[in-house]
């Protein structure tokens, strides 16, 4: 597909920002700056950019534990995101949500969720609201290959199909549910069968190709806005790090990871495309990469210098 240069550059900027954001998190955990568990999306940047750039600000996304990339793509502030991950009062949830529960309704980010696959259930709510109110907003949910086996995901897909809701179900198949290979833990090799079983238009997507992700996502959004009902995207990708920071990686080899990096890294693949098209050169790329790193360095400094929440606020804005 042909996209304007500005949009192509924006896709690269989002991917570079996501990589710059995710890369230092592991060391920050080891330094004791980040409490709790952190899940990185290194290697999955094309999903973060390709599924969010076609969205409007008033569209909704519901993310899961590996959510930082899609939240950045939806327009959230890296400073407030890192402050939240650091558990600081300047974060999106005033330090009470942490990495797995970053929420910003004003940006359409309706909440990350640590309950595996539950984003699918929640996403139908705003989708139903959009339909009943005659709005053309879509509601997007993300889950993994392991999460796709959860029963309530199938209940959510069935309901969205029956009611023709503008819900977009995105399965990020990074091939491992924690340490369980998808080839072993899932009953199907072709994940689109899980969407087709509910009579939902379903697409296999190469998650290393940001343009393919963007194109299929645009089709799903168009169908949702035009009252054609839900879509299901099975996006094949790969995570370079473990399920979470500190996880032993004995279930796969270094050669497997490096082989994917060498052949299908989404950023390097897109850089090659833009270079061959004459849209950027090495200097342009280094400048974008440097700008992303500066943004994240400033965000880390902001988070580190921000105060922790006042203990007196422990129970405020927690219960309804």
C-alpha atoms as a PDB file:
ATOM      1  CA  UNK A   1       0.000   0.000   0.000  1.00  0.00           C
ATOM      2  CA  UNK A   2       1.088   3.565  -0.653  1.00  0.00           C
ATOM      3  CA  UNK A   3       1.166   5.882   2.343  1.00  0.00           C
ATOM      4  CA  UNK A   4       2.258   9.529   2.454  1.00  0.00           C
ATOM      5  CA  UNK A   5       5.866  10.039   3.514  1.00  0.00           C
ATOM      6  CA  UNK A   6       4.805  11.783   6.733  1.00  0.00           C
ATOM      7  CA  UNK A   7       2.786   8.743   7.803  1.00  0.00           C
ATOM      8  CA  UNK A   8       5.605   6.342   6.936  1.00  0.00           C
ATOM      9  CA  UNK A   9       8.033   8.412   8.994  1.00  0.00           C
ATOM     10  CA  UNK A  10       5.550   8.480  11.877  1.00  0.00           C
ATOM     11  CA  UNK A  11       5.372   4.684  11.857  1.00  0.00           C
ATOM     12  CA  UNK A  12       9.150   4.545  12.211  1.00  0.00           C
ATOM     13  CA  UNK A  13       9.134   7.184  14.946  1.00  0.00           C
ATOM     14  CA  UNK A  14       6.625   5.195  17.005  1.00  0.00           C
ATOM     15  CA  UNK A  15       8.602   1.975  16.627  1.00  0.00           C
ATOM     16  CA  UNK A  16      11.846   3.669  17.634  1.00  0.00           C
ATOM     17  CA  UNK A  17      10.134   5.314  20.614  1.00  0.00           C
ATOM     18  CA  UNK A  18       8.759   1.964  21.764  1.00  0.00           C
ATOM     19  CA  UNK A  19      12.177   0.321  21.516  1.00  0.00           C
ATOM     20  CA  UNK A  20      13.832   3.207  23.346  1.00  0.00           C
ATOM     21  CA  UNK A  21      11.168   2.975  26.063  1.00  0.00           C
ATOM     22  CA  UNK A  22      11.337  -0.789  26.547  1.00  0.00           C
ATOM     23  CA  UNK A  23      15.096  -1.296  26.360  1.00  0.00           C
ATOM     24  CA  UNK A  24      16.176   0.284  29.707  1.00  0.00           C
ATOM     25  CA  UNK A  25      13.330  -1.207  31.771  1.00  0.00           C
ATOM     26  CA  UNK A  26      15.203  -4.410  32.583  1.00  0.00           C
ATOM     27  CA  UNK A  27      18.176  -2.552  34.057  1.00  0.00           C
ATOM     28  CA  UNK A  28      15.851  -0.184  35.949  1.00  0.00           C
ATOM     29  CA  UNK A  29      14.189  -3.197  37.600  1.00  0.00           C
ATOM     30  CA  UNK A  30      17.582  -4.586  38.634  1.00  0.00           C
ATOM     31  CA  UNK A  31      18.554  -1.180  40.021  1.00  0.00           C
ATOM     32  CA  UNK A  32      15.458  -1.191  42.215  1.00  0.00           C
ATOM     33  CA  UNK A  33      13.911   1.812  40.481  1.00  0.00           C
ATOM     34  CA  UNK A  34      10.864  -0.162  39.331  1.00  0.00           C
ATOM     35  CA  UNK A  35       8.809  -2.196  41.813  1.00  0.00           C
ATOM     36  CA  UNK A  36       6.807  -5.199  40.741  1.00  0.00           C
ATOM     37  CA  UNK A  37       6.726  -7.067  37.454  1.00  0.00           C
ATOM     38  CA  UNK A  38       7.523  -5.638  34.011  1.00  0.00           C
ATOM     39  CA  UNK A  39       6.777  -7.229  30.628  1.00  0.00           C
ATOM     40  CA  UNK A  40       8.714  -5.884  27.630  1.00  0.00           C
ATOM     41  CA  UNK A  41       7.515  -5.825  24.018  1.00  0.00           C
ATOM     42  CA  UNK A  42      10.919  -5.667  22.333  1.00  0.00           C
ATOM     43  CA  UNK A  43      10.517  -7.221  18.895  1.00  0.00           C
ATOM     44  CA  UNK A  44       6.802  -6.421  18.692  1.00  0.00           C
ATOM     45  CA  UNK A  45       7.123  -2.755  17.713  1.00  0.00           C
ATOM     46  CA  UNK A  46       5.337  -3.138  14.369  1.00  0.00           C
ATOM     47  CA  UNK A  47       2.159  -4.105  16.225  1.00  0.00           C
ATOM     48  CA  UNK A  48       2.473  -1.096  18.526  1.00  0.00           C
ATOM     49  CA  UNK A  49       2.751   1.297  15.582  1.00  0.00           C
ATOM     50  CA  UNK A  50       0.692  -0.428  12.904  1.00  0.00           C
ATOM     51  CA  UNK A  51      -2.419  -1.024  15.001  1.00  0.00           C
ATOM     52  CA  UNK A  52      -2.542   2.368  16.727  1.00  0.00           C
ATOM     53  CA  UNK A  53      -1.588   4.943  14.074  1.00  0.00           C
ATOM     54  CA  UNK A  54      -4.790   4.314  12.039  1.00  0.00           C
ATOM     55  CA  UNK A  55      -6.928   4.932  15.152  1.00  0.00           C
ATOM     56  CA  UNK A  56      -8.479   8.218  16.220  1.00  0.00           C
ATOM     57  CA  UNK A  57      -8.035   9.656  19.687  1.00  0.00           C
ATOM     58  CA  UNK A  58     -11.674   8.849  20.529  1.00  0.00           C
ATOM     59  CA  UNK A  59     -11.296   5.170  19.592  1.00  0.00           C
ATOM     60  CA  UNK A  60     -10.777   2.814  22.520  1.00  0.00           C
ATOM     61  CA  UNK A  61      -7.993   0.359  23.265  1.00  0.00           C
ATOM     62  CA  UNK A  62      -7.885  -2.283  25.983  1.00  0.00           C
ATOM     63  CA  UNK A  63      -4.405  -3.682  26.514  1.00  0.00           C
ATOM     64  CA  UNK A  64      -2.875  -6.528  28.504  1.00  0.00           C
ATOM     65  CA  UNK A  65       0.251  -6.994  30.616  1.00  0.00           C
ATOM     66  CA  UNK A  66       2.634  -6.306  27.662  1.00  0.00           C
ATOM     67  CA  UNK A  67       1.055  -2.956  26.882  1.00  0.00           C
ATOM     68  CA  UNK A  68       3.623  -0.150  26.829  1.00  0.00           C
ATOM     69  CA  UNK A  69       4.108  -0.082  23.052  1.00  0.00           C
ATOM     70  CA  UNK A  70       0.439   0.243  22.136  1.00  0.00           C
ATOM     71  CA  UNK A  71      -0.065   2.907  24.799  1.00  0.00           C
ATOM     72  CA  UNK A  72       2.794   4.964  23.353  1.00  0.00           C
ATOM     73  CA  UNK A  73       1.313   4.504  19.884  1.00  0.00           C
ATOM     74  CA  UNK A  74      -2.055   5.770  21.150  1.00  0.00           C
ATOM     75  CA  UNK A  75      -0.390   8.983  22.249  1.00  0.00           C
ATOM     76  CA  UNK A  76       0.303   8.561  25.956  1.00  0.00           C
ATOM     77  CA  UNK A  77       3.085  10.634  27.509  1.00  0.00           C
ATOM     78  CA  UNK A  78       6.269   8.589  28.141  1.00  0.00           C
ATOM     79  CA  UNK A  79       7.001  10.706  31.233  1.00  0.00           C
ATOM     80  CA  UNK A  80       3.689   9.912  32.895  1.00  0.00           C
ATOM     81  CA  UNK A  81       3.929   6.277  31.815  1.00  0.00           C
ATOM     82  CA  UNK A  82       7.374   5.816  33.347  1.00  0.00           C
ATOM     83  CA  UNK A  83       6.317   7.676  36.476  1.00  0.00           C
ATOM     84  CA  UNK A  84       3.462   5.186  36.822  1.00  0.00           C
ATOM     85  CA  UNK A  85       5.832   2.245  36.291  1.00  0.00           C
ATOM     86  CA  UNK A  86       8.137   3.742  38.959  1.00  0.00           C
ATOM     87  CA  UNK A  87       5.136   3.960  41.316  1.00  0.00           C
ATOM     88  CA  UNK A  88       5.276   7.757  41.487  1.00  0.00           C
ATOM     89  CA  UNK A  89       2.475  10.261  42.124  1.00  0.00           C
ATOM     90  CA  UNK A  90       2.978  11.941  38.734  1.00  0.00           C
ATOM     91  CA  UNK A  91       1.993   8.764  36.874  1.00  0.00           C
ATOM     92  CA  UNK A  92      -1.263   8.206  35.021  1.00  0.00           C
ATOM     93  CA  UNK A  93      -2.765   6.370  38.003  1.00  0.00           C
ATOM     94  CA  UNK A  94      -0.766   8.327  40.607  1.00  0.00           C
ATOM     95  CA  UNK A  95       1.551   5.361  41.061  1.00  0.00           C
ATOM     96  CA  UNK A  96      -1.191   2.944  42.112  1.00  0.00           C
ATOM     97  CA  UNK A  97      -1.499   0.961  38.892  1.00  0.00           C
ATOM     98  CA  UNK A  98       2.044   0.247  37.854  1.00  0.00           C
ATOM     99  CA  UNK A  99       3.224  -1.300  34.606  1.00  0.00           C
ATOM    100  CA  UNK A 100       0.224  -3.583  34.042  1.00  0.00           C
ATOM    101  CA  UNK A 101      -2.597  -1.116  34.711  1.00  0.00           C
ATOM    102  CA  UNK A 102      -1.746   2.157  32.944  1.00  0.00           C
ATOM    103  CA  UNK A 103      -4.970   3.954  32.081  1.00  0.00           C
ATOM    104  CA  UNK A 104      -5.753   7.206  30.235  1.00  0.00           C
ATOM    105  CA  UNK A 105      -9.408   7.497  29.149  1.00  0.00           C
ATOM    106  CA  UNK A 106      -8.761  10.956  27.678  1.00  0.00           C
ATOM    107  CA  UNK A 107      -6.512   9.234  25.138  1.00  0.00           C
ATOM    108  CA  UNK A 108      -8.871   6.318  24.613  1.00  0.00           C
ATOM    109  CA  UNK A 109      -6.605   4.017  26.641  1.00  0.00           C
ATOM    110  CA  UNK A 110      -9.217   2.308  28.790  1.00  0.00           C
ATOM    111  CA  UNK A 111      -6.816   0.321  30.903  1.00  0.00           C
ATOM    112  CA  UNK A 112      -4.217  -2.365  30.719  1.00  0.00           C
ATOM    113  CA  UNK A 113      -5.202  -5.520  32.539  1.00  0.00           C
ATOM    114  CA  UNK A 114      -3.175  -8.178  34.312  1.00  0.00           C
ATOM    115  CA  UNK A 115      -5.967 -10.754  33.984  1.00  0.00           C
ATOM    116  CA  UNK A 116      -4.965 -12.740  30.899  1.00  0.00           C
ATOM    117  CA  UNK A 117      -7.384 -12.173  28.023  1.00  0.00           C
ATOM    118  CA  UNK A 118      -9.890 -10.095  29.971  1.00  0.00           C
ATOM    119  CA  UNK A 119      -9.403  -7.064  27.714  1.00  0.00           C
ATOM    120  CA  UNK A 120     -11.615  -8.862  25.174  1.00  0.00           C
ATOM    121  CA  UNK A 121     -14.589  -8.823  27.523  1.00  0.00           C
ATOM    122  CA  UNK A 122     -14.143  -5.192  28.534  1.00  0.00           C
ATOM    123  CA  UNK A 123     -13.745  -3.958  24.958  1.00  0.00           C
ATOM    124  CA  UNK A 124     -17.297  -4.940  24.025  1.00  0.00           C
ATOM    125  CA  UNK A 125     -18.708  -2.347  26.442  1.00  0.00           C
ATOM    126  CA  UNK A 126     -17.577   0.794  24.583  1.00  0.00           C
ATOM    127  CA  UNK A 127     -18.240  -1.007  21.284  1.00  0.00           C
ATOM    128  CA  UNK A 128     -21.874  -1.502  22.326  1.00  0.00           C
ATOM    129  CA  UNK A 129     -22.053   2.124  23.492  1.00  0.00           C
ATOM    130  CA  UNK A 130     -20.747   3.279  20.093  1.00  0.00           C
ATOM    131  CA  UNK A 131     -23.359   1.218  18.293  1.00  0.00           C
ATOM    132  CA  UNK A 132     -26.289   2.294  20.447  1.00  0.00           C
ATOM    133  CA  UNK A 133     -25.326   5.990  20.259  1.00  0.00           C
ATOM    134  CA  UNK A 134     -24.720   5.887  16.502  1.00  0.00           C
ATOM    135  CA  UNK A 135     -21.031   6.755  16.869  1.00  0.00           C
ATOM    136  CA  UNK A 136     -18.368   5.491  14.488  1.00  0.00           C
ATOM    137  CA  UNK A 137     -15.772   4.648  17.137  1.00  0.00           C
ATOM    138  CA  UNK A 138     -14.077   1.276  17.294  1.00  0.00           C
ATOM    139  CA  UNK A 139     -12.929  -0.648  20.361  1.00  0.00           C
ATOM    140  CA  UNK A 140      -9.693  -2.633  20.177  1.00  0.00           C
ATOM    141  CA  UNK A 141      -8.452  -5.364  22.499  1.00  0.00           C
ATOM    142  CA  UNK A 142      -5.086  -7.119  22.640  1.00  0.00           C
ATOM    143  CA  UNK A 143      -4.237 -10.592  23.961  1.00  0.00           C
ATOM    144  CA  UNK A 144      -1.625 -13.268  23.392  1.00  0.00           C
ATOM    145  CA  UNK A 145      -1.527 -16.768  21.952  1.00  0.00           C
ATOM    146  CA  UNK A 146      -1.929 -18.242  25.436  1.00  0.00           C
ATOM    147  CA  UNK A 147      -4.727 -15.835  26.287  1.00  0.00           C
ATOM    148  CA  UNK A 148      -6.624 -16.851  23.152  1.00  0.00           C
ATOM    149  CA  UNK A 149      -7.495 -20.139  24.850  1.00  0.00           C
ATOM    150  CA  UNK A 150      -9.378 -18.386  27.661  1.00  0.00           C
ATOM    151  CA  UNK A 151     -13.081 -19.141  27.598  1.00  0.00           C
ATOM    152  CA  UNK A 152     -14.266 -15.590  28.129  1.00  0.00           C
ATOM    153  CA  UNK A 153     -12.439 -14.444  24.970  1.00  0.00           C
ATOM    154  CA  UNK A 154     -14.670 -16.766  22.987  1.00  0.00           C
ATOM    155  CA  UNK A 155     -17.745 -15.497  24.830  1.00  0.00           C
ATOM    156  CA  UNK A 156     -16.688 -11.937  23.936  1.00  0.00           C
ATOM    157  CA  UNK A 157     -16.133 -12.811  20.274  1.00  0.00           C
ATOM    158  CA  UNK A 158     -19.467 -14.607  20.068  1.00  0.00           C
ATOM    159  CA  UNK A 159     -21.309 -11.617  21.544  1.00  0.00           C
ATOM    160  CA  UNK A 160     -19.505  -9.142  19.268  1.00  0.00           C
ATOM    161  CA  UNK A 161     -20.402 -11.273  16.263  1.00  0.00           C
ATOM    162  CA  UNK A 162     -24.062 -11.714  17.219  1.00  0.00           C
ATOM    163  CA  UNK A 163     -24.550  -8.005  17.924  1.00  0.00           C
ATOM    164  CA  UNK A 164     -22.250  -6.805  15.080  1.00  0.00           C
ATOM    165  CA  UNK A 165     -20.173  -4.698  17.469  1.00  0.00           C
ATOM    166  CA  UNK A 166     -17.246  -2.582  16.216  1.00  0.00           C
ATOM    167  CA  UNK A 167     -14.751  -4.588  18.267  1.00  0.00           C
ATOM    168  CA  UNK A 168     -11.328  -5.458  16.843  1.00  0.00           C
ATOM    169  CA  UNK A 169      -9.754  -8.533  18.444  1.00  0.00           C
ATOM    170  CA  UNK A 170      -5.953  -8.590  18.139  1.00  0.00           C
ATOM    171  CA  UNK A 171      -4.075 -11.769  18.947  1.00  0.00           C
ATOM    172  CA  UNK A 172      -0.344 -11.130  19.361  1.00  0.00           C
ATOM    173  CA  UNK A 173       1.167 -14.535  18.682  1.00  0.00           C
ATOM    174  CA  UNK A 174       4.727 -14.190  19.997  1.00  0.00           C
ATOM    175  CA  UNK A 175       4.908 -18.003  20.141  1.00  0.00           C
ATOM    176  CA  UNK A 176       5.232 -18.391  23.909  1.00  0.00           C
ATOM    177  CA  UNK A 177       2.653 -18.224  26.687  1.00  0.00           C
ATOM    178  CA  UNK A 178       5.221 -17.523  29.387  1.00  0.00           C
ATOM    179  CA  UNK A 179       7.389 -20.570  28.561  1.00  0.00           C
ATOM    180  CA  UNK A 180       4.812 -22.779  26.802  1.00  0.00           C
ATOM    181  CA  UNK A 181       5.254 -22.885  23.000  1.00  0.00           C
ATOM    182  CA  UNK A 182       2.107 -22.037  21.058  1.00  0.00           C
ATOM    183  CA  UNK A 183       2.737 -25.105  18.903  1.00  0.00           C
ATOM    184  CA  UNK A 184       2.225 -27.242  22.002  1.00  0.00           C
ATOM    185  CA  UNK A 185      -0.289 -25.293  24.065  1.00  0.00           C
ATOM    186  CA  UNK A 186      -2.802 -24.323  21.365  1.00  0.00           C
ATOM    187  CA  UNK A 187      -5.109 -26.695  19.522  1.00  0.00           C
ATOM    188  CA  UNK A 188      -4.765 -24.876  16.179  1.00  0.00           C
ATOM    189  CA  UNK A 189      -1.818 -23.774  14.097  1.00  0.00           C
ATOM    190  CA  UNK A 190      -3.894 -21.244  12.147  1.00  0.00           C
ATOM    191  CA  UNK A 191      -5.199 -18.848  14.785  1.00  0.00           C
ATOM    192  CA  UNK A 192      -7.689 -17.242  12.409  1.00  0.00           C
ATOM    193  CA  UNK A 193      -9.804 -20.359  12.961  1.00  0.00           C
ATOM    194  CA  UNK A 194     -10.585 -18.997  16.415  1.00  0.00           C
ATOM    195  CA  UNK A 195     -12.137 -15.884  14.893  1.00  0.00           C
ATOM    196  CA  UNK A 196     -13.778 -17.706  11.999  1.00  0.00           C
ATOM    197  CA  UNK A 197     -15.461 -20.054  14.480  1.00  0.00           C
ATOM    198  CA  UNK A 198     -17.509 -17.040  15.578  1.00  0.00           C
ATOM    199  CA  UNK A 199     -18.206 -15.891  11.993  1.00  0.00           C
ATOM    200  CA  UNK A 200     -15.796 -12.959  12.349  1.00  0.00           C
ATOM    201  CA  UNK A 201     -13.681 -11.821   9.362  1.00  0.00           C
ATOM    202  CA  UNK A 202     -10.193 -13.005  10.342  1.00  0.00           C
ATOM    203  CA  UNK A 203      -6.721 -12.218   9.021  1.00  0.00           C
ATOM    204  CA  UNK A 204      -3.246 -13.693   9.362  1.00  0.00           C
ATOM    205  CA  UNK A 205      -0.777 -10.808   9.613  1.00  0.00           C
ATOM    206  CA  UNK A 206       3.018 -10.671   9.515  1.00  0.00           C
ATOM    207  CA  UNK A 207       3.924  -8.822  12.704  1.00  0.00           C
ATOM    208  CA  UNK A 208       7.417  -8.009  11.423  1.00  0.00           C
ATOM    209  CA  UNK A 209       5.939  -5.928   8.577  1.00  0.00           C
ATOM    210  CA  UNK A 210       4.522  -2.668   9.924  1.00  0.00           C
ATOM    211  CA  UNK A 211       2.900  -1.791   6.587  1.00  0.00           C
ATOM    212  CA  UNK A 212       1.013  -5.081   6.473  1.00  0.00           C
ATOM    213  CA  UNK A 213      -0.135  -4.568  10.069  1.00  0.00           C
ATOM    214  CA  UNK A 214      -1.271  -1.019   9.233  1.00  0.00           C
ATOM    215  CA  UNK A 215      -3.123  -2.098   6.082  1.00  0.00           C
ATOM    216  CA  UNK A 216      -5.084  -4.922   7.720  1.00  0.00           C
ATOM    217  CA  UNK A 217      -5.829  -2.763  10.762  1.00  0.00           C
ATOM    218  CA  UNK A 218      -7.154  -0.010   8.505  1.00  0.00           C
ATOM    219  CA  UNK A 219      -9.529  -2.523   6.872  1.00  0.00           C
ATOM    220  CA  UNK A 220     -10.750  -3.701  10.298  1.00  0.00           C
ATOM    221  CA  UNK A 221     -11.308  -0.116  11.446  1.00  0.00           C
ATOM    222  CA  UNK A 222     -13.213   0.731   8.270  1.00  0.00           C
ATOM    223  CA  UNK A 223     -15.482  -2.290   8.763  1.00  0.00           C
ATOM    224  CA  UNK A 224     -16.134  -1.293  12.363  1.00  0.00           C
ATOM    225  CA  UNK A 225     -16.937   2.310  11.493  1.00  0.00           C
ATOM    226  CA  UNK A 226     -19.268   1.206   8.689  1.00  0.00           C
ATOM    227  CA  UNK A 227     -21.308  -1.090  10.942  1.00  0.00           C
ATOM    228  CA  UNK A 228     -20.005  -4.331   9.416  1.00  0.00           C
ATOM    229  CA  UNK A 229     -19.142  -5.760  12.825  1.00  0.00           C
ATOM    230  CA  UNK A 230     -15.998  -7.109  14.475  1.00  0.00           C
ATOM    231  CA  UNK A 231     -12.682  -8.255  13.038  1.00  0.00           C
ATOM    232  CA  UNK A 232     -10.027 -10.688  14.275  1.00  0.00           C
ATOM    233  CA  UNK A 233      -6.310 -10.169  13.562  1.00  0.00           C
ATOM    234  CA  UNK A 234      -3.873 -13.001  14.264  1.00  0.00           C
ATOM    235  CA  UNK A 235      -0.524 -11.198  14.195  1.00  0.00           C
ATOM    236  CA  UNK A 236       2.573 -13.369  14.114  1.00  0.00           C
ATOM    237  CA  UNK A 237       5.468 -11.791  16.026  1.00  0.00           C
ATOM    238  CA  UNK A 238       8.309 -12.600  18.425  1.00  0.00           C
ATOM    239  CA  UNK A 239       9.435 -11.197  21.742  1.00  0.00           C
ATOM    240  CA  UNK A 240      13.167 -10.864  22.272  1.00  0.00           C
ATOM    241  CA  UNK A 241      13.026 -10.890  26.068  1.00  0.00           C
ATOM    242  CA  UNK A 242      11.380 -13.256  28.505  1.00  0.00           C
ATOM    243  CA  UNK A 243       7.771 -13.205  29.576  1.00  0.00           C
ATOM    244  CA  UNK A 244       8.846 -10.810  32.322  1.00  0.00           C
ATOM    245  CA  UNK A 245      12.069  -9.262  33.568  1.00  0.00           C
ATOM    246  CA  UNK A 246      14.159 -11.808  35.433  1.00  0.00           C
ATOM    247  CA  UNK A 247      12.531 -14.883  33.917  1.00  0.00           C
ATOM    248  CA  UNK A 248      14.899 -17.807  33.172  1.00  0.00           C
ATOM    249  CA  UNK A 249      15.043 -18.359  29.397  1.00  0.00           C
ATOM    250  CA  UNK A 250      15.966 -22.036  29.344  1.00  0.00           C
ATOM    251  CA  UNK A 251      12.946 -22.916  27.207  1.00  0.00           C
ATOM    252  CA  UNK A 252      14.472 -21.439  24.022  1.00  0.00           C
ATOM    253  CA  UNK A 253      17.932 -20.982  22.569  1.00  0.00           C
ATOM    254  CA  UNK A 254      19.926 -17.814  21.991  1.00  0.00           C
ATOM    255  CA  UNK A 255      20.244 -18.934  18.364  1.00  0.00           C
ATOM    256  CA  UNK A 256      16.456 -18.881  17.972  1.00  0.00           C
ATOM    257  CA  UNK A 257      16.231 -15.297  19.220  1.00  0.00           C
ATOM    258  CA  UNK A 258      19.170 -14.066  17.153  1.00  0.00           C
ATOM    259  CA  UNK A 259      17.865 -15.792  14.050  1.00  0.00           C
ATOM    260  CA  UNK A 260      14.593 -13.862  14.332  1.00  0.00           C
ATOM    261  CA  UNK A 261      16.409 -10.589  15.043  1.00  0.00           C
ATOM    262  CA  UNK A 262      18.616 -11.048  12.014  1.00  0.00           C
ATOM    263  CA  UNK A 263      15.860 -11.990   9.581  1.00  0.00           C
ATOM    264  CA  UNK A 264      12.672 -10.308  10.807  1.00  0.00           C
ATOM    265  CA  UNK A 265      13.433  -7.412  13.130  1.00  0.00           C
ATOM    266  CA  UNK A 266      10.523  -5.023  12.400  1.00  0.00           C
ATOM    267  CA  UNK A 267      12.569  -1.833  12.717  1.00  0.00           C
ATOM    268  CA  UNK A 268      15.468  -2.989  10.552  1.00  0.00           C
ATOM    269  CA  UNK A 269      13.013  -4.376   7.996  1.00  0.00           C
ATOM    270  CA  UNK A 270      11.164  -1.063   7.763  1.00  0.00           C
ATOM    271  CA  UNK A 271      14.416   0.914   7.721  1.00  0.00           C
ATOM    272  CA  UNK A 272      15.489  -1.108   4.672  1.00  0.00           C
ATOM    273  CA  UNK A 273      12.150  -0.385   2.975  1.00  0.00           C
ATOM    274  CA  UNK A 274      12.344   3.372   3.625  1.00  0.00           C
ATOM    275  CA  UNK A 275      15.976   3.519   2.523  1.00  0.00           C
ATOM    276  CA  UNK A 276      15.338   1.637  -0.717  1.00  0.00           C
ATOM    277  CA  UNK A 277      12.410   3.977  -1.437  1.00  0.00           C
ATOM    278  CA  UNK A 278      14.760   6.932  -1.015  1.00  0.00           C
ATOM    279  CA  UNK A 279      12.651   8.325   1.845  1.00  0.00           C
ATOM    280  CA  UNK A 280      15.414   8.287   4.481  1.00  0.00           C
ATOM    281  CA  UNK A 281      19.160   7.801   4.653  1.00  0.00           C
ATOM    282  CA  UNK A 282      21.405   6.601   7.478  1.00  0.00           C
ATOM    283  CA  UNK A 283      21.705  10.114   8.891  1.00  0.00           C
ATOM    284  CA  UNK A 284      17.913  10.522   8.985  1.00  0.00           C
ATOM    285  CA  UNK A 285      17.546   7.188  10.767  1.00  0.00           C
ATOM    286  CA  UNK A 286      20.211   8.006  13.373  1.00  0.00           C
ATOM    287  CA  UNK A 287      18.545  11.361  14.019  1.00  0.00           C
ATOM    288  CA  UNK A 288      15.140   9.707  14.649  1.00  0.00           C
ATOM    289  CA  UNK A 289      16.753   7.065  16.851  1.00  0.00           C
ATOM    290  CA  UNK A 290      18.620   9.719  18.840  1.00  0.00           C
ATOM    291  CA  UNK A 291      15.476  11.820  19.296  1.00  0.00           C
ATOM    292  CA  UNK A 292      13.609   8.779  20.662  1.00  0.00           C
ATOM    293  CA  UNK A 293      16.445   8.057  23.096  1.00  0.00           C
ATOM    294  CA  UNK A 294      16.473  11.658  24.328  1.00  0.00           C
ATOM    295  CA  UNK A 295      12.707  11.566  24.955  1.00  0.00           C
ATOM    296  CA  UNK A 296      13.071   8.417  27.052  1.00  0.00           C
ATOM    297  CA  UNK A 297      16.138   9.665  28.928  1.00  0.00           C
ATOM    298  CA  UNK A 298      14.145  12.743  29.939  1.00  0.00           C
ATOM    299  CA  UNK A 299      11.180  10.562  30.905  1.00  0.00           C
ATOM    300  CA  UNK A 300      13.362   8.382  33.137  1.00  0.00           C
ATOM    301  CA  UNK A 301      14.782  11.498  34.805  1.00  0.00           C
ATOM    302  CA  UNK A 302      11.255  12.848  35.354  1.00  0.00           C
ATOM    303  CA  UNK A 303      10.070   9.563  36.871  1.00  0.00           C
ATOM    304  CA  UNK A 304      13.122   9.214  39.080  1.00  0.00           C
ATOM    305  CA  UNK A 305      12.802  12.748  40.449  1.00  0.00           C
ATOM    306  CA  UNK A 306       9.024  12.570  41.000  1.00  0.00           C
ATOM    307  CA  UNK A 307       7.702  12.015  44.538  1.00  0.00           C
ATOM    308  CA  UNK A 308       6.057   8.848  45.744  1.00  0.00           C
ATOM    309  CA  UNK A 309       2.318   9.124  46.548  1.00  0.00           C
ATOM    310  CA  UNK A 310       1.319  10.468  49.941  1.00  0.00           C
ATOM    311  CA  UNK A 311       0.395   7.486  52.180  1.00  0.00           C
ATOM    312  CA  UNK A 312      -2.756   9.428  53.128  1.00  0.00           C
ATOM    313  CA  UNK A 313      -4.010   8.821  49.573  1.00  0.00           C
ATOM    314  CA  UNK A 314      -3.746   5.051  49.822  1.00  0.00           C
ATOM    315  CA  UNK A 315      -7.489   4.475  49.592  1.00  0.00           C
ATOM    316  CA  UNK A 316      -8.466   7.430  47.406  1.00  0.00           C
ATOM    317  CA  UNK A 317      -9.516   6.768  43.796  1.00  0.00           C
ATOM    318  CA  UNK A 318      -9.197   3.033  44.359  1.00  0.00           C
ATOM    319  CA  UNK A 319     -12.695   1.895  45.297  1.00  0.00           C
ATOM    320  CA  UNK A 320     -15.954   3.166  43.832  1.00  0.00           C
END
